[in-house]
N, C-alpha and C. Protein backbone atom coordinates (compact mmCIF):
# COMPACT_ATOMS: atom_id res chain seq x y z
N MET A 1 0.84 -1.18 0.00
CA MET A 1 0.00 0.00 0.00
C MET A 1 0.89 1.25 0.00
N GLU A 2 0.55 2.19 -0.84
CA GLU A 2 1.32 3.43 -0.94
C GLU A 2 0.63 4.53 -0.13
N TYR A 3 1.42 5.23 0.67
CA TYR A 3 0.90 6.30 1.51
C TYR A 3 1.49 7.63 1.09
N THR A 4 0.83 8.70 1.49
CA THR A 4 1.42 10.03 1.39
C THR A 4 1.60 10.54 2.81
N TYR A 5 2.51 11.49 2.97
CA TYR A 5 2.88 12.01 4.27
C TYR A 5 2.86 13.53 4.22
N LYS A 6 1.84 14.11 4.79
CA LYS A 6 1.69 15.56 4.77
C LYS A 6 2.23 16.12 6.08
N VAL A 7 3.19 17.04 5.97
CA VAL A 7 3.73 17.71 7.15
C VAL A 7 2.96 19.00 7.35
N VAL A 8 2.34 19.09 8.51
CA VAL A 8 1.56 20.26 8.89
C VAL A 8 2.29 20.92 10.06
N VAL A 9 2.32 22.25 10.04
CA VAL A 9 3.02 22.99 11.10
C VAL A 9 2.02 23.84 11.85
N GLY A 10 1.90 23.54 13.12
CA GLY A 10 1.10 24.36 14.03
C GLY A 10 2.05 25.17 14.90
N GLU A 11 1.48 25.95 15.77
CA GLU A 11 2.29 26.72 16.72
C GLU A 11 1.83 26.35 18.12
N HIS A 12 2.80 26.20 19.02
CA HIS A 12 2.44 25.83 20.38
C HIS A 12 1.52 26.85 21.03
N ASN A 13 1.67 28.12 20.70
CA ASN A 13 0.81 29.13 21.33
C ASN A 13 -0.59 29.17 20.70
N HIS A 14 -0.81 28.36 19.66
CA HIS A 14 -2.14 28.20 19.05
C HIS A 14 -2.44 26.71 18.95
N TYR A 15 -2.20 25.99 20.03
CA TYR A 15 -2.31 24.54 20.05
C TYR A 15 -3.69 24.08 19.57
N ARG A 16 -3.67 23.18 18.60
CA ARG A 16 -4.88 22.58 18.02
C ARG A 16 -5.81 23.59 17.34
N ASP A 17 -5.28 24.72 16.95
CA ASP A 17 -6.06 25.72 16.23
C ASP A 17 -5.77 25.52 14.74
N ASP A 18 -6.65 24.80 14.06
CA ASP A 18 -6.44 24.48 12.65
C ASP A 18 -6.30 25.71 11.77
N ALA A 19 -6.90 26.81 12.17
CA ALA A 19 -6.81 28.04 11.38
C ALA A 19 -5.39 28.59 11.38
N GLU A 20 -4.60 28.25 12.39
CA GLU A 20 -3.22 28.74 12.49
C GLU A 20 -2.20 27.76 11.91
N ALA A 21 -2.63 26.57 11.57
CA ALA A 21 -1.71 25.55 11.03
C ALA A 21 -1.55 25.75 9.52
N SER A 22 -0.38 25.35 9.03
CA SER A 22 -0.13 25.45 7.60
C SER A 22 0.55 24.18 7.12
N VAL A 23 0.34 23.84 5.87
CA VAL A 23 0.97 22.65 5.28
C VAL A 23 2.37 23.04 4.83
N ASP A 24 3.36 22.29 5.30
CA ASP A 24 4.74 22.50 4.88
C ASP A 24 4.96 21.89 3.51
N ASN A 25 4.60 20.61 3.38
CA ASN A 25 4.81 19.92 2.11
C ASN A 25 4.20 18.53 2.22
N ILE A 26 4.12 17.84 1.11
CA ILE A 26 3.66 16.46 1.07
C ILE A 26 4.82 15.61 0.55
N TYR A 27 5.09 14.51 1.27
CA TYR A 27 6.24 13.67 0.96
C TYR A 27 5.79 12.27 0.58
N LYS A 28 6.66 11.56 -0.13
CA LYS A 28 6.32 10.22 -0.59
C LYS A 28 6.74 9.14 0.39
N ASP A 29 7.57 9.49 1.39
CA ASP A 29 7.95 8.49 2.39
C ASP A 29 8.07 9.13 3.76
N CYS A 30 7.97 8.26 4.76
CA CYS A 30 7.97 8.72 6.14
C CYS A 30 9.31 9.35 6.52
N MET A 31 10.40 8.78 6.06
CA MET A 31 11.73 9.31 6.41
C MET A 31 11.88 10.76 5.97
N ALA A 32 11.42 11.08 4.79
CA ALA A 32 11.51 12.46 4.29
C ALA A 32 10.62 13.39 5.12
N ALA A 33 9.44 12.93 5.48
CA ALA A 33 8.53 13.74 6.30
C ALA A 33 9.12 13.97 7.69
N GLU A 34 9.70 12.92 8.28
CA GLU A 34 10.34 13.07 9.59
C GLU A 34 11.52 14.03 9.53
N ALA A 35 12.32 13.94 8.47
CA ALA A 35 13.46 14.85 8.32
C ALA A 35 12.98 16.30 8.23
N ALA A 36 11.89 16.53 7.50
CA ALA A 36 11.33 17.88 7.40
C ALA A 36 10.86 18.36 8.77
N CYS A 37 10.23 17.50 9.53
CA CYS A 37 9.77 17.87 10.88
C CYS A 37 10.95 18.20 11.78
N ARG A 38 12.00 17.38 11.72
CA ARG A 38 13.19 17.67 12.55
C ARG A 38 13.78 19.03 12.20
N LYS A 39 13.86 19.35 10.92
CA LYS A 39 14.42 20.64 10.49
C LYS A 39 13.57 21.79 11.02
N ILE A 40 12.27 21.65 11.00
CA ILE A 40 11.38 22.71 11.50
C ILE A 40 11.61 22.93 12.99
N VAL A 41 11.74 21.85 13.76
CA VAL A 41 12.00 21.99 15.20
C VAL A 41 13.37 22.62 15.41
N GLU A 42 14.37 22.18 14.67
CA GLU A 42 15.72 22.74 14.79
C GLU A 42 15.72 24.24 14.50
N ASN A 43 14.94 24.67 13.53
CA ASN A 43 14.86 26.10 13.22
C ASN A 43 14.17 26.89 14.33
N SER A 44 13.32 26.23 15.10
CA SER A 44 12.67 26.88 16.24
C SER A 44 13.58 26.91 17.46
N LEU A 45 14.63 26.11 17.44
CA LEU A 45 15.61 26.04 18.53
C LEU A 45 17.02 26.25 17.99
N PRO A 46 17.30 27.42 17.42
CA PRO A 46 18.61 27.62 16.79
C PRO A 46 19.74 27.63 17.82
N GLY A 47 20.92 27.31 17.35
CA GLY A 47 22.09 27.35 18.21
C GLY A 47 22.30 26.05 18.95
N SER A 48 23.31 26.05 19.77
CA SER A 48 23.73 24.86 20.50
C SER A 48 23.46 25.02 21.99
N VAL A 49 23.31 23.90 22.66
CA VAL A 49 23.13 23.92 24.11
C VAL A 49 24.47 23.74 24.83
N GLU A 50 25.54 23.64 24.06
CA GLU A 50 26.86 23.48 24.66
C GLU A 50 27.13 24.62 25.63
N GLY A 51 27.57 24.26 26.82
CA GLY A 51 27.91 25.26 27.83
C GLY A 51 26.71 25.77 28.62
N MET A 52 25.51 25.35 28.26
CA MET A 52 24.32 25.79 28.99
C MET A 52 24.12 24.92 30.23
N SER A 53 23.67 25.53 31.29
CA SER A 53 23.31 24.77 32.48
C SER A 53 22.00 24.04 32.23
N ILE A 54 21.68 23.08 33.09
CA ILE A 54 20.42 22.36 32.94
C ILE A 54 19.25 23.32 33.03
N ARG A 55 19.34 24.30 33.90
CA ARG A 55 18.26 25.30 34.03
C ARG A 55 18.08 26.09 32.73
N GLU A 56 19.19 26.49 32.12
CA GLU A 56 19.11 27.23 30.85
C GLU A 56 18.50 26.35 29.75
N ARG A 57 18.87 25.07 29.72
CA ARG A 57 18.31 24.15 28.73
C ARG A 57 16.82 23.94 28.97
N GLU A 58 16.43 23.85 30.24
CA GLU A 58 15.01 23.71 30.56
C GLU A 58 14.22 24.95 30.14
N GLU A 59 14.80 26.12 30.35
CA GLU A 59 14.14 27.37 29.95
C GLU A 59 14.02 27.46 28.43
N ARG A 60 15.04 27.00 27.74
CA ARG A 60 15.01 26.98 26.28
C ARG A 60 13.88 26.08 25.79
N LEU A 61 13.76 24.89 26.40
CA LEU A 61 12.69 23.97 26.04
C LEU A 61 11.33 24.57 26.38
N LYS A 62 11.23 25.20 27.51
CA LYS A 62 9.97 25.84 27.93
C LYS A 62 9.54 26.89 26.91
N GLY A 63 10.48 27.70 26.44
CA GLY A 63 10.18 28.71 25.42
C GLY A 63 9.70 28.06 24.14
N TYR A 64 10.34 26.96 23.74
CA TYR A 64 9.90 26.25 22.54
C TYR A 64 8.48 25.72 22.73
N MET A 65 8.21 25.12 23.88
CA MET A 65 6.90 24.52 24.14
C MET A 65 5.79 25.57 24.22
N MET A 66 6.16 26.82 24.48
CA MET A 66 5.16 27.88 24.52
C MET A 66 4.96 28.55 23.16
N PHE A 67 6.05 28.72 22.40
CA PHE A 67 5.97 29.55 21.20
C PHE A 67 6.54 28.92 19.93
N GLY A 68 7.16 27.76 20.02
CA GLY A 68 7.83 27.17 18.86
C GLY A 68 6.87 26.55 17.86
N ASP A 69 7.41 26.27 16.68
CA ASP A 69 6.64 25.57 15.65
C ASP A 69 6.47 24.11 16.06
N ASP A 70 5.30 23.57 15.79
CA ASP A 70 4.93 22.21 16.20
C ASP A 70 4.55 21.39 14.97
N PRO A 71 5.55 20.81 14.28
CA PRO A 71 5.24 20.03 13.08
C PRO A 71 4.71 18.65 13.43
N PHE A 72 3.82 18.15 12.59
CA PHE A 72 3.33 16.79 12.74
C PHE A 72 3.01 16.23 11.37
N ILE A 73 2.90 14.91 11.31
CA ILE A 73 2.70 14.22 10.04
C ILE A 73 1.28 13.68 9.98
N VAL A 74 0.60 14.00 8.90
CA VAL A 74 -0.74 13.47 8.66
C VAL A 74 -0.61 12.39 7.60
N THR A 75 -0.93 11.16 7.99
CA THR A 75 -0.82 10.02 7.09
C THR A 75 -1.71 8.89 7.59
N LYS A 76 -2.01 7.96 6.70
CA LYS A 76 -2.75 6.77 7.10
C LYS A 76 -1.80 5.63 7.45
N ASP A 77 -0.50 5.88 7.33
CA ASP A 77 0.52 4.89 7.67
C ASP A 77 0.65 4.82 9.19
N PRO A 78 0.23 3.71 9.81
CA PRO A 78 0.26 3.62 11.26
C PRO A 78 1.67 3.52 11.85
N THR A 79 2.66 3.27 11.02
CA THR A 79 4.03 3.13 11.53
C THR A 79 4.80 4.44 11.52
N CYS A 80 4.26 5.48 10.93
CA CYS A 80 4.96 6.76 10.81
C CYS A 80 4.52 7.69 11.94
N ARG A 81 5.44 7.93 12.85
CA ARG A 81 5.15 8.79 13.99
C ARG A 81 6.30 9.77 14.20
N PHE A 82 5.95 10.99 14.60
CA PHE A 82 6.95 11.99 14.95
C PHE A 82 6.42 12.82 16.10
N SER A 83 7.24 13.00 17.11
CA SER A 83 6.88 13.84 18.25
C SER A 83 7.82 15.04 18.30
N ALA A 84 7.29 16.21 17.99
CA ALA A 84 8.11 17.42 18.02
C ALA A 84 8.61 17.70 19.43
N SER A 85 7.78 17.50 20.43
CA SER A 85 8.21 17.78 21.80
C SER A 85 9.31 16.83 22.25
N SER A 86 9.22 15.56 21.89
CA SER A 86 10.30 14.61 22.23
C SER A 86 11.59 14.98 21.53
N TYR A 87 11.49 15.36 20.27
CA TYR A 87 12.69 15.75 19.54
C TYR A 87 13.30 17.03 20.14
N ALA A 88 12.46 18.00 20.51
CA ALA A 88 12.95 19.23 21.14
C ALA A 88 13.64 18.92 22.46
N ARG A 89 13.08 18.00 23.24
CA ARG A 89 13.71 17.59 24.51
C ARG A 89 15.11 17.02 24.25
N SER A 90 15.22 16.20 23.21
CA SER A 90 16.53 15.61 22.90
C SER A 90 17.52 16.69 22.47
N LEU A 91 17.07 17.67 21.71
CA LEU A 91 17.97 18.77 21.30
C LEU A 91 18.43 19.61 22.49
N CYS A 92 17.53 19.78 23.45
CA CYS A 92 17.86 20.58 24.64
C CYS A 92 18.52 19.73 25.72
N ARG A 93 18.61 18.43 25.46
CA ARG A 93 19.19 17.49 26.43
C ARG A 93 18.47 17.56 27.77
N VAL A 94 17.15 17.54 27.67
CA VAL A 94 16.29 17.55 28.85
C VAL A 94 15.42 16.31 28.76
N SER A 95 15.37 15.54 29.85
CA SER A 95 14.56 14.32 29.81
C SER A 95 13.15 14.56 30.28
């Protein structure tokens, strides 16, 4: 079965507000859609956490969770999943 993978970008400060969400692109495979989602999160969290204290990393994550872009994948493929918040936590090195 062939699936399509639509990457939609919402904003954390407009959580679940479809009027504020926009389509980034439509991809032919899950890996490409996930890569696009990772890039969107990375652009919302520019720079490195090197040298930051745990408190600074937590504040950075908190800012992302309040105002950052929240990409997700719309597909009928049950195996394709992406969590922007989990990926942001890994970038900020916060568990």
